[in-house]
Amino acid sequence: MSHQEVTHILDARGLYCPEPVFRTKVTVDQINVGEYLEVLADDPASEEDISRWAKRTGQNMRSIKKNGKEIRFMIKKVK
């Protein structure tokens, strides 16, 4: 995925459950269908929480990348 496709970035580093998933939901609600949201988080629970939220709400989880404690989620809003 090229950086050009990222249309929004949410920095949720330093936040703990349930804030990263809550802020992801709020941000996805504000963007348009077809746009991409990159979420940066460092709460270990966020990997499962955000993945589960995306599946439950029908959003497209394009990728999850870990770099040390940081987790980067790429989500495409599909509905």
C-alpha atoms as a PDB file:
ATOM      1  CA  MET A   1       0.000   0.000   0.000  1.00  0.00           C
ATOM      2  CA  SER A   2       1.460   3.328  -0.984  1.00  0.00           C
ATOM      3  CA  HIS A   3       1.535   6.248   1.401  1.00  0.00           C
ATOM      4  CA  GLN A   4      -0.627   8.169  -1.101  1.00  0.00           C
ATOM      5  CA  GLU A   5      -3.596   5.925  -0.314  1.00  0.00           C
ATOM      6  CA  VAL A   6      -3.552   6.929   3.371  1.00  0.00           C
ATOM      7  CA  THR A   7      -6.117   9.673   3.707  1.00  0.00           C
ATOM      8  CA  HIS A   8      -6.290   9.921   7.511  1.00  0.00           C
ATOM      9  CA  ILE A   9      -3.966   9.114  10.400  1.00  0.00           C
ATOM     10  CA  LEU A  10      -5.055   8.510  13.994  1.00  0.00           C
ATOM     11  CA  ASP A  11      -2.290   8.578  16.597  1.00  0.00           C
ATOM     12  CA  ALA A  12      -3.588   6.526  19.526  1.00  0.00           C
ATOM     13  CA  ARG A  13      -0.163   5.876  21.043  1.00  0.00           C
ATOM     14  CA  GLY A  14      -0.137   6.268  24.813  1.00  0.00           C
ATOM     15  CA  LEU A  15      -3.859   5.476  25.055  1.00  0.00           C
ATOM     16  CA  TYR A  16      -5.213   2.325  26.640  1.00  0.00           C
ATOM     17  CA  CYS A  17      -8.327   0.208  26.230  1.00  0.00           C
ATOM     18  CA  PRO A  18     -10.931   1.190  25.259  1.00  0.00           C
ATOM     19  CA  GLU A  19      -9.648   4.515  23.873  1.00  0.00           C
ATOM     20  CA  PRO A  20      -7.798   3.257  20.732  1.00  0.00           C
ATOM     21  CA  VAL A  21     -10.808   1.307  19.437  1.00  0.00           C
ATOM     22  CA  PHE A  22     -13.252   4.057  20.465  1.00  0.00           C
ATOM     23  CA  ARG A  23     -11.226   6.732  18.650  1.00  0.00           C
ATOM     24  CA  THR A  24     -10.865   4.449  15.625  1.00  0.00           C
ATOM     25  CA  LYS A  25     -14.662   4.110  15.455  1.00  0.00           C
ATOM     26  CA  VAL A  26     -15.184   7.875  15.796  1.00  0.00           C
ATOM     27  CA  THR A  27     -12.613   8.621  13.082  1.00  0.00           C
ATOM     28  CA  VAL A  28     -13.972   5.998  10.652  1.00  0.00           C
ATOM     29  CA  ASP A  29     -17.454   7.467  11.173  1.00  0.00           C
ATOM     30  CA  GLN A  30     -16.075  10.849  10.034  1.00  0.00           C
ATOM     31  CA  ILE A  31     -14.335   9.721   6.839  1.00  0.00           C
ATOM     32  CA  ASN A  32     -15.829   8.798   3.480  1.00  0.00           C
ATOM     33  CA  VAL A  33     -16.350   5.296   2.080  1.00  0.00           C
ATOM     34  CA  GLY A  34     -13.238   4.293   0.134  1.00  0.00           C
ATOM     35  CA  GLU A  35     -10.859   6.324   2.274  1.00  0.00           C
ATOM     36  CA  TYR A  36      -8.064   4.783   4.329  1.00  0.00           C
ATOM     37  CA  LEU A  37      -7.296   5.303   7.998  1.00  0.00           C
ATOM     38  CA  GLU A  38      -3.910   4.471   9.449  1.00  0.00           C
ATOM     39  CA  VAL A  39      -4.062   3.928  13.213  1.00  0.00           C
ATOM     40  CA  LEU A  40      -0.912   4.041  15.331  1.00  0.00           C
ATOM     41  CA  ALA A  41      -1.216   2.355  18.724  1.00  0.00           C
ATOM     42  CA  ASP A  42       1.019   0.892  21.405  1.00  0.00           C
ATOM     43  CA  ASP A  43      -1.553  -0.724  23.696  1.00  0.00           C
ATOM     44  CA  PRO A  44      -1.080  -4.505  23.299  1.00  0.00           C
ATOM     45  CA  ALA A  45      -4.871  -5.014  23.608  1.00  0.00           C
ATOM     46  CA  SER A  46      -5.499  -2.754  20.618  1.00  0.00           C
ATOM     47  CA  GLU A  47      -4.437  -5.415  18.113  1.00  0.00           C
ATOM     48  CA  GLU A  48      -7.296  -7.708  19.071  1.00  0.00           C
ATOM     49  CA  ASP A  49      -9.742  -4.884  19.897  1.00  0.00           C
ATOM     50  CA  ILE A  50      -9.368  -2.974  16.619  1.00  0.00           C
ATOM     51  CA  SER A  51      -9.255  -6.167  14.524  1.00  0.00           C
ATOM     52  CA  ARG A  52     -12.450  -7.427  16.146  1.00  0.00           C
ATOM     53  CA  TRP A  53     -14.152  -4.037  15.740  1.00  0.00           C
ATOM     54  CA  ALA A  54     -13.257  -3.905  12.018  1.00  0.00           C
ATOM     55  CA  LYS A  55     -14.619  -7.414  11.436  1.00  0.00           C
ATOM     56  CA  ARG A  56     -17.797  -6.745  13.434  1.00  0.00           C
ATOM     57  CA  THR A  57     -18.543  -3.484  11.617  1.00  0.00           C
ATOM     58  CA  GLY A  58     -17.627  -4.770   8.141  1.00  0.00           C
ATOM     59  CA  GLN A  59     -14.644  -2.478   7.576  1.00  0.00           C
ATOM     60  CA  ASN A  60     -11.666  -3.740   5.574  1.00  0.00           C
ATOM     61  CA  MET A  61      -8.544  -4.336   7.698  1.00  0.00           C
ATOM     62  CA  ARG A  62      -5.891  -3.993   5.006  1.00  0.00           C
ATOM     63  CA  SER A  63      -2.861  -4.652   7.208  1.00  0.00           C
ATOM     64  CA  ILE A  64      -1.494  -4.861  10.726  1.00  0.00           C
ATOM     65  CA  LYS A  65       2.221  -4.228  11.173  1.00  0.00           C
ATOM     66  CA  LYS A  66       4.175  -4.429  14.407  1.00  0.00           C
ATOM     67  CA  ASN A  67       7.413  -2.580  15.031  1.00  0.00           C
ATOM     68  CA  GLY A  68       8.543  -3.118  18.600  1.00  0.00           C
ATOM     69  CA  LYS A  69       5.667  -1.977  20.804  1.00  0.00           C
ATOM     70  CA  GLU A  70       4.047   0.084  18.043  1.00  0.00           C
ATOM     71  CA  ILE A  71       1.219  -1.392  15.988  1.00  0.00           C
ATOM     72  CA  ARG A  72       0.084   0.160  12.679  1.00  0.00           C
ATOM     73  CA  PHE A  73      -3.357  -0.666  11.363  1.00  0.00           C
ATOM     74  CA  MET A  74      -4.485   0.180   7.840  1.00  0.00           C
ATOM     75  CA  ILE A  75      -8.268   0.253   7.581  1.00  0.00           C
ATOM     76  CA  LYS A  76     -10.328   0.952   4.464  1.00  0.00           C
ATOM     77  CA  LYS A  77     -13.816   2.271   5.121  1.00  0.00           C
ATOM     78  CA  VAL A  78     -16.182   0.160   3.033  1.00  0.00           C
ATOM     79  CA  LYS A  79     -19.544   1.137   4.487  1.00  0.00           C
END
